[in-house]
Amino acid sequence: MPQMPRISSREAIRALERLGFEQVRQTGSHIVMKRETPESEIGCVIPVHRELKVGTLSGILKQAQVKVEEFIESL
């Protein structure tokens, strides 16, 4: 498994948008993103920070059901 990149929340949002997610709403410093699939709707919450911690980014990718390799390619 490749190492998790150290990126900002804005870079993570752009990468998820390239993977088909769209911004639904923002509440305070958290952005909610969703993607429609044939089976269901997948959502994730991204805190707006200058740099996301590795564990936080890992949690976001688990919520979004996106593999690390796929995410890194979309950066």
Protein backbone atom coordinates (compact mmCIF):
# COMPACT_ATOMS: atom_id res chain seq x y z
CA MET A 1 0.00 0.00 0.00
CA PRO A 2 1.44 3.39 -0.94
CA GLN A 3 2.07 6.01 1.68
CA MET A 4 -0.70 8.48 2.41
CA PRO A 5 0.15 11.93 0.98
CA ARG A 6 0.26 15.06 3.17
CA ILE A 7 -2.17 17.41 1.42
CA SER A 8 -4.56 20.24 2.23
CA SER A 9 -8.32 19.82 2.40
CA ARG A 10 -8.70 21.81 -0.84
CA GLU A 11 -6.47 19.34 -2.70
CA ALA A 12 -8.47 16.43 -1.24
CA ILE A 13 -11.74 18.04 -2.36
CA ARG A 14 -10.42 18.54 -5.90
CA ALA A 15 -9.23 14.93 -6.08
CA LEU A 16 -12.61 13.63 -4.87
CA GLU A 17 -14.40 15.83 -7.42
CA ARG A 18 -12.32 14.18 -10.15
CA LEU A 19 -13.56 10.83 -8.80
CA GLY A 20 -17.20 11.87 -9.23
CA PHE A 21 -18.03 13.44 -5.86
CA GLU A 22 -19.76 16.80 -5.64
CA GLN A 23 -20.02 19.30 -2.84
CA VAL A 24 -23.45 19.15 -1.23
CA ARG A 25 -23.11 21.63 1.62
CA GLN A 26 -20.77 23.24 4.10
CA THR A 27 -21.47 23.54 7.81
CA GLY A 28 -18.87 25.64 9.57
CA SER A 29 -15.46 24.21 8.77
CA HIS A 30 -16.72 20.88 7.37
CA ILE A 31 -17.65 20.16 3.75
CA VAL A 32 -20.03 17.31 2.88
CA MET A 33 -19.50 15.57 -0.45
CA LYS A 34 -21.61 12.87 -2.12
CA ARG A 35 -21.49 10.56 -5.12
CA GLU A 36 -24.35 8.60 -6.67
CA THR A 37 -23.76 4.94 -7.50
CA PRO A 38 -26.21 2.47 -9.03
CA GLU A 39 -26.60 0.75 -5.64
CA SER A 40 -26.60 3.71 -3.25
CA GLU A 41 -25.33 7.17 -2.40
CA ILE A 42 -21.83 7.51 -0.90
CA GLY A 43 -20.97 10.50 1.28
CA CYS A 44 -17.98 11.82 3.18
CA VAL A 45 -17.18 14.78 5.41
CA ILE A 46 -13.97 16.79 4.95
CA PRO A 47 -12.71 19.24 7.59
CA VAL A 48 -11.25 22.43 6.11
CA HIS A 49 -7.61 22.50 7.26
CA ARG A 50 -4.33 23.65 5.73
CA GLU A 51 -2.94 20.14 6.08
CA LEU A 52 -4.94 16.99 6.76
CA LYS A 53 -3.42 14.49 9.16
CA VAL A 54 -2.77 11.03 7.74
CA GLY A 55 -5.40 9.42 9.99
CA THR A 56 -8.00 12.01 9.03
CA LEU A 57 -7.36 11.48 5.31
CA SER A 58 -7.53 7.73 5.83
CA GLY A 59 -10.94 8.12 7.50
CA ILE A 60 -12.19 10.32 4.66
CA LEU A 61 -11.17 7.70 2.09
CA LYS A 62 -12.89 4.93 4.07
CA GLN A 63 -16.10 6.98 4.21
CA ALA A 64 -15.84 7.68 0.49
CA GLN A 65 -15.04 4.02 -0.28
CA VAL A 66 -12.03 5.09 -2.34
CA LYS A 67 -8.75 3.15 -2.44
CA VAL A 68 -5.53 5.00 -1.64
CA GLU A 69 -4.04 4.16 -5.05
CA GLU A 70 -7.12 5.50 -6.84
CA PHE A 71 -7.03 8.68 -4.74
CA ILE A 72 -3.32 9.30 -5.39
CA GLU A 73 -3.87 8.92 -9.15
CA SER A 74 -6.58 11.61 -9.05
CA LEU A 75 -4.28 14.14 -7.34
